[in-house]
Amino acid sequence: MMQSSPFNLPRAIIWIGRLVLAGIFIYAGYSKIFLPIVHPRPSIGAALMFFALQVDSYQLLPPWGVNFVAHTLPFAEIALGFLLLIGWRLRIWATIVTLIMLGFFAAVVRSYWGSLPPWCAPTRWACRLIAAALPLPNRSPSKQFSATVASRHWHC
């Protein structure tokens, strides 16, 4: 019985692809949590609020689902990236990564082919960002701010 060589071309391609995918997932999670392109950097809570606005612009989830995805997905992406990097239980994590990527692809396709025109999501995101800066009438500033409530009040 012949043993396969540990360094053949298909294994090298899979290994490089796994490293690239791990890097993409780690950076995607990092950029959602820390917003490296914005100076000065906002707090983690503010960065997650901006990500929640992006998630909500797809109009797929109720407000509690938007908050759940916005607060868990970036950390899950970083964890999955590191798990792909180290290669422990690779089939499980590769399957989960594939499902996440298929879910994102389905959301993008739905937003373009569904009821949302392609320019709707950026416009709504900008409207919600402006609405977040404006005070809500009849609301005390001591209460926790909800971008979804503000955007629905201002009809974004």
C-alpha atoms as a PDB file:
ATOM      1  CA  MET A   1       0.000   0.000   0.000  1.00  0.00           C
ATOM      2  CA  MET A   2       1.410   3.387  -1.033  1.00  0.00           C
ATOM      3  CA  GLN A   3       1.240   6.345   1.261  1.00  0.00           C
ATOM      4  CA  SER A   4       0.366   9.692  -0.215  1.00  0.00           C
ATOM      5  CA  SER A   5       2.939  12.424  -0.136  1.00  0.00           C
ATOM      6  CA  PRO A   6       2.238  15.083   2.496  1.00  0.00           C
ATOM      7  CA  PHE A   7       3.139  17.847   0.038  1.00  0.00           C
ATOM      8  CA  ASN A   8       1.261  17.348  -3.204  1.00  0.00           C
ATOM      9  CA  LEU A   9      -0.433  19.998  -5.318  1.00  0.00           C
ATOM     10  CA  PRO A  10      -4.091  19.423  -4.283  1.00  0.00           C
ATOM     11  CA  ARG A  11      -3.178  19.553  -0.589  1.00  0.00           C
ATOM     12  CA  ALA A  12      -1.157  22.724  -1.107  1.00  0.00           C
ATOM     13  CA  ILE A  13      -4.065  24.401  -2.909  1.00  0.00           C
ATOM     14  CA  ILE A  14      -6.501  23.419  -0.140  1.00  0.00           C
ATOM     15  CA  TRP A  15      -4.068  24.609   2.531  1.00  0.00           C
ATOM     16  CA  ILE A  16      -3.533  27.982   0.828  1.00  0.00           C
ATOM     17  CA  GLY A  17      -7.295  28.389   0.287  1.00  0.00           C
ATOM     18  CA  ARG A  18      -7.924  27.611   3.941  1.00  0.00           C
ATOM     19  CA  LEU A  19      -5.371  30.226   5.030  1.00  0.00           C
ATOM     20  CA  VAL A  20      -6.847  32.850   2.713  1.00  0.00           C
ATOM     21  CA  LEU A  21     -10.408  32.122   3.879  1.00  0.00           C
ATOM     22  CA  ALA A  22      -9.293  32.231   7.525  1.00  0.00           C
ATOM     23  CA  GLY A  23      -7.647  35.617   6.930  1.00  0.00           C
ATOM     24  CA  ILE A  24     -10.756  36.968   5.239  1.00  0.00           C
ATOM     25  CA  PHE A  25     -12.993  35.858   8.124  1.00  0.00           C
ATOM     26  CA  ILE A  26     -10.636  37.229  10.796  1.00  0.00           C
ATOM     27  CA  TYR A  27     -10.374  40.590   9.049  1.00  0.00           C
ATOM     28  CA  ALA A  28     -14.137  40.728   8.376  1.00  0.00           C
ATOM     29  CA  GLY A  29     -14.906  40.220  12.067  1.00  0.00           C
ATOM     30  CA  TYR A  30     -12.177  42.650  13.155  1.00  0.00           C
ATOM     31  CA  SER A  31     -13.390  45.362  10.790  1.00  0.00           C
ATOM     32  CA  LYS A  32     -16.963  45.052  12.073  1.00  0.00           C
ATOM     33  CA  ILE A  33     -15.897  45.370  15.714  1.00  0.00           C
ATOM     34  CA  PHE A  34     -13.213  48.049  15.517  1.00  0.00           C
ATOM     35  CA  LEU A  35     -13.949  50.009  12.281  1.00  0.00           C
ATOM     36  CA  PRO A  36     -10.260  50.481  11.335  1.00  0.00           C
ATOM     37  CA  ILE A  37     -11.030  52.979   8.546  1.00  0.00           C
ATOM     38  CA  VAL A  38     -12.779  55.490  10.839  1.00  0.00           C
ATOM     39  CA  HIS A  39     -10.639  57.950  12.813  1.00  0.00           C
ATOM     40  CA  PRO A  40     -11.026  58.475  15.683  1.00  0.00           C
ATOM     41  CA  ARG A  41     -12.178  54.941  16.270  1.00  0.00           C
ATOM     42  CA  PRO A  42     -15.619  54.651  17.841  1.00  0.00           C
ATOM     43  CA  SER A  43     -16.314  52.405  20.787  1.00  0.00           C
ATOM     44  CA  ILE A  44     -17.134  48.758  20.185  1.00  0.00           C
ATOM     45  CA  GLY A  45     -20.790  49.441  20.990  1.00  0.00           C
ATOM     46  CA  ALA A  46     -20.981  52.214  18.402  1.00  0.00           C
ATOM     47  CA  ALA A  47     -19.241  50.035  15.813  1.00  0.00           C
ATOM     48  CA  LEU A  48     -21.720  47.228  16.443  1.00  0.00           C
ATOM     49  CA  MET A  49     -24.563  49.748  16.109  1.00  0.00           C
ATOM     50  CA  PHE A  50     -23.248  50.744  12.668  1.00  0.00           C
ATOM     51  CA  PHE A  51     -23.075  47.056  11.730  1.00  0.00           C
ATOM     52  CA  ALA A  52     -26.640  46.601  12.990  1.00  0.00           C
ATOM     53  CA  LEU A  53     -27.727  49.365  10.615  1.00  0.00           C
ATOM     54  CA  GLN A  54     -26.088  47.497   7.754  1.00  0.00           C
ATOM     55  CA  VAL A  55     -27.759  44.222   8.739  1.00  0.00           C
ATOM     56  CA  ASP A  56     -31.133  45.933   9.081  1.00  0.00           C
ATOM     57  CA  SER A  57     -30.832  47.503   5.624  1.00  0.00           C
ATOM     58  CA  TYR A  58     -31.427  44.054   4.093  1.00  0.00           C
ATOM     59  CA  GLN A  59     -34.918  44.014   5.685  1.00  0.00           C
ATOM     60  CA  LEU A  60     -34.762  40.291   6.456  1.00  0.00           C
ATOM     61  CA  LEU A  61     -34.845  40.167  10.251  1.00  0.00           C
ATOM     62  CA  PRO A  62     -36.991  41.602  13.032  1.00  0.00           C
ATOM     63  CA  PRO A  63     -35.282  44.127  15.360  1.00  0.00           C
ATOM     64  CA  TRP A  64     -34.311  41.478  17.938  1.00  0.00           C
ATOM     65  CA  GLY A  65     -32.787  39.357  15.137  1.00  0.00           C
ATOM     66  CA  VAL A  66     -30.814  42.323  13.816  1.00  0.00           C
ATOM     67  CA  ASN A  67     -29.356  42.965  17.283  1.00  0.00           C
ATOM     68  CA  PHE A  68     -28.539  39.283  17.768  1.00  0.00           C
ATOM     69  CA  VAL A  69     -26.745  39.006  14.410  1.00  0.00           C
ATOM     70  CA  ALA A  70     -24.931  42.318  14.856  1.00  0.00           C
ATOM     71  CA  HIS A  71     -23.619  41.370  18.288  1.00  0.00           C
ATOM     72  CA  THR A  72     -22.660  37.745  17.556  1.00  0.00           C
ATOM     73  CA  LEU A  73     -21.581  37.521  13.903  1.00  0.00           C
ATOM     74  CA  PRO A  74     -18.326  39.534  14.152  1.00  0.00           C
ATOM     75  CA  PHE A  75     -17.076  37.461  17.093  1.00  0.00           C
ATOM     76  CA  ALA A  76     -18.169  34.228  15.396  1.00  0.00           C
ATOM     77  CA  GLU A  77     -16.301  35.254  12.236  1.00  0.00           C
ATOM     78  CA  ILE A  78     -13.092  35.816  14.185  1.00  0.00           C
ATOM     79  CA  ALA A  79     -13.470  32.512  16.030  1.00  0.00           C
ATOM     80  CA  LEU A  80     -14.211  30.601  12.822  1.00  0.00           C
ATOM     81  CA  GLY A  81     -11.233  32.249  11.129  1.00  0.00           C
ATOM     82  CA  PHE A  82      -8.893  31.097  13.888  1.00  0.00           C
ATOM     83  CA  LEU A  83     -10.419  27.602  13.883  1.00  0.00           C
ATOM     84  CA  LEU A  84      -9.852  27.370  10.125  1.00  0.00           C
ATOM     85  CA  LEU A  85      -6.319  28.605  10.655  1.00  0.00           C
ATOM     86  CA  ILE A  86      -5.378  25.959  13.206  1.00  0.00           C
ATOM     87  CA  GLY A  87      -7.251  23.189  11.376  1.00  0.00           C
ATOM     88  CA  TRP A  88      -8.852  21.534  14.406  1.00  0.00           C
ATOM     89  CA  ARG A  89     -12.086  19.705  13.467  1.00  0.00           C
ATOM     90  CA  LEU A  90     -11.808  21.258  10.036  1.00  0.00           C
ATOM     91  CA  ARG A  91     -14.867  19.626   8.462  1.00  0.00           C
ATOM     92  CA  ILE A  92     -17.221  21.043  11.086  1.00  0.00           C
ATOM     93  CA  TRP A  93     -15.895  24.603  10.841  1.00  0.00           C
ATOM     94  CA  ALA A  94     -15.640  24.517   7.051  1.00  0.00           C
ATOM     95  CA  THR A  95     -19.295  23.453   6.904  1.00  0.00           C
ATOM     96  CA  ILE A  96     -20.339  26.324   9.194  1.00  0.00           C
ATOM     97  CA  VAL A  97     -18.281  28.807   7.161  1.00  0.00           C
ATOM     98  CA  THR A  98     -19.926  27.536   3.981  1.00  0.00           C
ATOM     99  CA  LEU A  99     -23.397  27.979   5.504  1.00  0.00           C
ATOM    100  CA  ILE A 100     -22.575  31.535   6.615  1.00  0.00           C
ATOM    101  CA  MET A 101     -21.288  32.412   3.149  1.00  0.00           C
ATOM    102  CA  LEU A 102     -24.368  30.878   1.494  1.00  0.00           C
ATOM    103  CA  GLY A 103     -26.620  32.829   3.866  1.00  0.00           C
ATOM    104  CA  PHE A 104     -24.881  36.087   3.019  1.00  0.00           C
ATOM    105  CA  PHE A 105     -25.059  35.295  -0.703  1.00  0.00           C
ATOM    106  CA  ALA A 106     -28.782  34.547  -0.405  1.00  0.00           C
ATOM    107  CA  ALA A 107     -29.357  37.852   1.439  1.00  0.00           C
ATOM    108  CA  VAL A 108     -27.529  39.799  -1.271  1.00  0.00           C
ATOM    109  CA  VAL A 109     -29.403  38.041  -4.073  1.00  0.00           C
ATOM    110  CA  ARG A 110     -32.715  38.636  -2.310  1.00  0.00           C
ATOM    111  CA  SER A 111     -31.964  42.322  -1.850  1.00  0.00           C
ATOM    112  CA  TYR A 112     -31.168  42.773  -5.547  1.00  0.00           C
ATOM    113  CA  TRP A 113     -33.905  40.543  -6.976  1.00  0.00           C
ATOM    114  CA  GLY A 114     -36.501  41.126  -4.298  1.00  0.00           C
ATOM    115  CA  SER A 115     -38.420  44.211  -3.432  1.00  0.00           C
ATOM    116  CA  LEU A 116     -35.329  46.309  -2.716  1.00  0.00           C
ATOM    117  CA  PRO A 117     -33.743  48.240  -5.573  1.00  0.00           C
ATOM    118  CA  PRO A 118     -29.916  48.153  -5.549  1.00  0.00           C
ATOM    119  CA  TRP A 119     -29.615  51.731  -4.306  1.00  0.00           C
ATOM    120  CA  CYS A 120     -32.078  51.261  -1.442  1.00  0.00           C
ATOM    121  CA  ALA A 121     -29.732  49.765   1.164  1.00  0.00           C
ATOM    122  CA  PRO A 122     -27.083  52.536   1.042  1.00  0.00           C
ATOM    123  CA  THR A 123     -29.779  55.210   1.022  1.00  0.00           C
ATOM    124  CA  ARG A 124     -31.562  53.701   4.001  1.00  0.00           C
ATOM    125  CA  TRP A 125     -28.257  53.298   5.833  1.00  0.00           C
ATOM    126  CA  ALA A 126     -27.419  56.981   5.317  1.00  0.00           C
ATOM    127  CA  CYS A 127     -30.934  57.986   6.372  1.00  0.00           C
ATOM    128  CA  ARG A 128     -30.662  55.909   9.535  1.00  0.00           C
ATOM    129  CA  LEU A 129     -27.260  57.371  10.324  1.00  0.00           C
ATOM    130  CA  ILE A 130     -28.741  60.865  10.094  1.00  0.00           C
ATOM    131  CA  ALA A 131     -31.760  59.773  12.133  1.00  0.00           C
ATOM    132  CA  ALA A 132     -29.438  58.380  14.794  1.00  0.00           C
ATOM    133  CA  ALA A 133     -27.866  61.817  15.195  1.00  0.00           C
ATOM    134  CA  LEU A 134     -31.215  63.557  15.616  1.00  0.00           C
ATOM    135  CA  PRO A 135     -33.009  63.459  18.956  1.00  0.00           C
ATOM    136  CA  LEU A 136     -36.292  61.624  19.217  1.00  0.00           C
ATOM    137  CA  PRO A 137     -39.222  63.699  20.443  1.00  0.00           C
ATOM    138  CA  ASN A 138     -40.741  62.651  23.774  1.00  0.00           C
ATOM    139  CA  ARG A 139     -37.761  60.474  24.667  1.00  0.00           C
ATOM    140  CA  SER A 140     -35.438  61.154  27.567  1.00  0.00           C
ATOM    141  CA  PRO A 141     -31.712  61.036  26.751  1.00  0.00           C
ATOM    142  CA  SER A 142     -31.096  58.700  29.693  1.00  0.00           C
ATOM    143  CA  LYS A 143     -32.895  55.832  27.926  1.00  0.00           C
ATOM    144  CA  GLN A 144     -30.876  53.517  25.736  1.00  0.00           C
ATOM    145  CA  PHE A 145     -30.856  54.586  22.092  1.00  0.00           C
ATOM    146  CA  SER A 146     -32.183  52.248  19.430  1.00  0.00           C
ATOM    147  CA  ALA A 147     -31.249  53.040  15.832  1.00  0.00           C
ATOM    148  CA  THR A 148     -34.140  50.932  14.581  1.00  0.00           C
ATOM    149  CA  VAL A 149     -36.653  52.960  16.620  1.00  0.00           C
ATOM    150  CA  ALA A 150     -35.132  56.232  15.414  1.00  0.00           C
ATOM    151  CA  SER A 151     -35.139  55.173  11.773  1.00  0.00           C
ATOM    152  CA  ARG A 152     -38.759  54.036  11.944  1.00  0.00           C
ATOM    153  CA  HIS A 153     -39.716  57.327  13.598  1.00  0.00           C
ATOM    154  CA  TRP A 154     -38.043  59.307  10.814  1.00  0.00           C
ATOM    155  CA  HIS A 155     -39.511  56.954   8.125  1.00  0.00           C
ATOM    156  CA  CYS A 156     -36.228  55.761   6.629  1.00  0.00           C
END
